[in-house]
Amino acid sequence: MAKKACRTCKRIVIGNSCPVCKTSDLTTTFQGIVVIFDVESDIAKKLGITAPGKYAIRV
């Protein structure tokens, strides 16, 4: 299955809906992936990420 990025929260998902924000507004067109383990990191704060996981850098 193809990886998709949620247009709302930018989380990388497999399937037809985002398990975090419950939307089905997904795209296969995204650039870069960042994996966040610590939501207190500078990168997570800069990207506005509040939960650990895989995220697209640009959707």
N, C-alpha and C. Protein backbone atom coordinates (compact mmCIF):
# COMPACT_ATOMS: atom_id res chain seq x y z
N MET A 1 0.84 -1.18 0.00
CA MET A 1 0.00 0.00 0.00
C MET A 1 0.89 1.25 0.00
N ALA A 2 0.40 2.27 -0.63
CA ALA A 2 1.15 3.52 -0.74
C ALA A 2 1.00 4.35 0.53
N LYS A 3 2.07 5.02 0.89
CA LYS A 3 2.02 5.93 2.03
C LYS A 3 1.34 7.21 1.58
N LYS A 4 0.53 7.75 2.46
CA LYS A 4 -0.18 9.00 2.18
C LYS A 4 0.05 9.96 3.33
N ALA A 5 -0.08 11.24 3.05
CA ALA A 5 0.05 12.26 4.08
C ALA A 5 -1.31 12.94 4.29
N CYS A 6 -1.65 13.14 5.54
CA CYS A 6 -2.88 13.84 5.89
C CYS A 6 -2.67 15.33 5.61
N ARG A 7 -3.59 15.93 4.91
CA ARG A 7 -3.47 17.36 4.60
C ARG A 7 -3.74 18.23 5.82
N THR A 8 -4.39 17.70 6.84
CA THR A 8 -4.71 18.47 8.03
C THR A 8 -3.56 18.48 9.03
N CYS A 9 -3.07 17.29 9.40
CA CYS A 9 -2.04 17.22 10.45
C CYS A 9 -0.67 16.79 9.93
N LYS A 10 -0.56 16.47 8.64
CA LYS A 10 0.68 16.07 7.97
C LYS A 10 1.22 14.71 8.40
N ARG A 11 0.48 13.94 9.14
CA ARG A 11 0.93 12.62 9.57
C ARG A 11 0.95 11.67 8.38
N ILE A 12 1.98 10.82 8.32
CA ILE A 12 2.08 9.81 7.28
C ILE A 12 1.23 8.62 7.72
N VAL A 13 0.32 8.19 6.85
CA VAL A 13 -0.59 7.10 7.18
C VAL A 13 -0.62 6.07 6.06
N ILE A 14 -1.07 4.88 6.39
CA ILE A 14 -1.35 3.85 5.40
C ILE A 14 -2.82 3.53 5.56
N GLY A 15 -3.57 3.70 4.49
CA GLY A 15 -5.01 3.49 4.56
C GLY A 15 -5.73 4.66 3.94
N ASN A 16 -7.03 4.76 4.23
CA ASN A 16 -7.86 5.78 3.60
C ASN A 16 -8.32 6.89 4.53
N SER A 17 -7.89 6.84 5.79
CA SER A 17 -8.23 7.92 6.72
C SER A 17 -7.14 8.06 7.76
N CYS A 18 -7.03 9.25 8.31
CA CYS A 18 -6.02 9.54 9.32
C CYS A 18 -6.56 9.08 10.68
N PRO A 19 -5.81 8.24 11.40
CA PRO A 19 -6.29 7.77 12.70
C PRO A 19 -6.24 8.85 13.78
N VAL A 20 -5.51 9.93 13.54
CA VAL A 20 -5.37 10.98 14.55
C VAL A 20 -6.49 12.01 14.44
N CYS A 21 -6.63 12.61 13.25
CA CYS A 21 -7.64 13.67 13.11
C CYS A 21 -8.92 13.20 12.41
N LYS A 22 -8.97 11.92 12.06
CA LYS A 22 -10.18 11.27 11.52
C LYS A 22 -10.66 11.81 10.17
N THR A 23 -9.78 12.48 9.42
CA THR A 23 -10.17 12.99 8.12
C THR A 23 -9.75 12.00 7.02
N SER A 24 -10.39 12.09 5.89
CA SER A 24 -10.01 11.26 4.74
C SER A 24 -9.36 12.12 3.65
N ASP A 25 -8.99 13.35 4.00
CA ASP A 25 -8.33 14.26 3.08
C ASP A 25 -6.83 13.96 3.05
N LEU A 26 -6.46 12.93 2.26
CA LEU A 26 -5.08 12.46 2.19
C LEU A 26 -4.52 12.69 0.79
N THR A 27 -3.19 12.73 0.70
CA THR A 27 -2.54 12.90 -0.59
C THR A 27 -1.29 12.03 -0.65
N THR A 28 -0.95 11.58 -1.86
CA THR A 28 0.29 10.84 -2.06
C THR A 28 1.40 11.78 -2.51
N THR A 29 1.06 13.05 -2.70
CA THR A 29 2.04 14.05 -3.12
C THR A 29 2.53 14.83 -1.91
N PHE A 30 3.67 14.41 -1.39
CA PHE A 30 4.28 15.11 -0.27
C PHE A 30 5.79 15.02 -0.41
N GLN A 31 6.49 15.90 0.30
CA GLN A 31 7.95 15.93 0.21
C GLN A 31 8.55 15.78 1.59
N GLY A 32 9.48 14.86 1.72
CA GLY A 32 10.23 14.68 2.94
C GLY A 32 9.44 14.06 4.07
N ILE A 33 10.15 13.31 4.91
CA ILE A 33 9.54 12.70 6.08
C ILE A 33 10.42 13.01 7.28
N VAL A 34 9.78 13.38 8.37
CA VAL A 34 10.48 13.58 9.63
C VAL A 34 9.81 12.68 10.67
N VAL A 35 10.64 12.01 11.48
CA VAL A 35 10.12 11.16 12.54
C VAL A 35 10.36 11.88 13.87
N ILE A 36 9.28 12.10 14.59
CA ILE A 36 9.34 12.82 15.86
C ILE A 36 9.17 11.84 17.01
N PHE A 37 10.17 11.80 17.89
CA PHE A 37 10.10 11.00 19.10
C PHE A 37 9.79 11.87 20.31
N ASP A 38 10.38 13.07 20.32
CA ASP A 38 10.24 13.99 21.44
C ASP A 38 9.53 15.26 20.98
N VAL A 39 8.31 15.47 21.45
CA VAL A 39 7.53 16.63 21.02
C VAL A 39 8.07 17.94 21.60
N GLU A 40 9.01 17.86 22.52
CA GLU A 40 9.64 19.06 23.07
C GLU A 40 10.88 19.48 22.29
N SER A 41 11.23 18.75 21.23
CA SER A 41 12.41 19.08 20.43
C SER A 41 12.15 20.36 19.63
N ASP A 42 13.23 21.01 19.22
CA ASP A 42 13.12 22.25 18.45
C ASP A 42 12.41 22.02 17.12
N ILE A 43 12.69 20.89 16.47
CA ILE A 43 12.06 20.59 15.17
C ILE A 43 10.56 20.40 15.34
N ALA A 44 10.16 19.65 16.35
CA ALA A 44 8.72 19.44 16.59
C ALA A 44 8.02 20.76 16.88
N LYS A 45 8.64 21.60 17.67
CA LYS A 45 8.04 22.91 17.97
C LYS A 45 7.94 23.78 16.73
N LYS A 46 8.99 23.76 15.89
CA LYS A 46 8.99 24.58 14.67
C LYS A 46 7.91 24.13 13.70
N LEU A 47 7.69 22.80 13.62
CA LEU A 47 6.68 22.27 12.71
C LEU A 47 5.28 22.24 13.32
N GLY A 48 5.17 22.55 14.61
CA GLY A 48 3.88 22.56 15.28
C GLY A 48 3.33 21.17 15.57
N ILE A 49 4.23 20.20 15.77
CA ILE A 49 3.82 18.82 16.01
C ILE A 49 3.68 18.60 17.51
N THR A 50 2.56 17.97 17.90
CA THR A 50 2.28 17.78 19.32
C THR A 50 2.18 16.31 19.72
N ALA A 51 2.40 15.38 18.78
CA ALA A 51 2.35 13.95 19.09
C ALA A 51 3.46 13.23 18.32
N PRO A 52 4.10 12.24 18.93
CA PRO A 52 5.15 11.49 18.24
C PRO A 52 4.61 10.76 17.02
N GLY A 53 5.45 10.57 16.00
CA GLY A 53 5.06 9.85 14.80
C GLY A 53 5.83 10.30 13.58
N LYS A 54 5.43 9.78 12.41
CA LYS A 54 6.03 10.15 11.13
C LYS A 54 5.18 11.24 10.50
N TYR A 55 5.85 12.29 10.01
CA TYR A 55 5.14 13.43 9.42
C TYR A 55 5.78 13.84 8.11
N ALA A 56 4.98 14.36 7.19
CA ALA A 56 5.48 14.93 5.96
C ALA A 56 5.99 16.34 6.24
N ILE A 57 7.08 16.71 5.60
CA ILE A 57 7.60 18.06 5.78
C ILE A 57 6.79 19.06 4.97
N ARG A 58 6.45 18.70 3.74
CA ARG A 58 5.66 19.59 2.88
C ARG A 58 4.55 18.76 2.23
N VAL A 59 3.31 19.22 2.38
CA VAL A 59 2.14 18.54 1.79
C VAL A 59 1.60 19.41 0.69
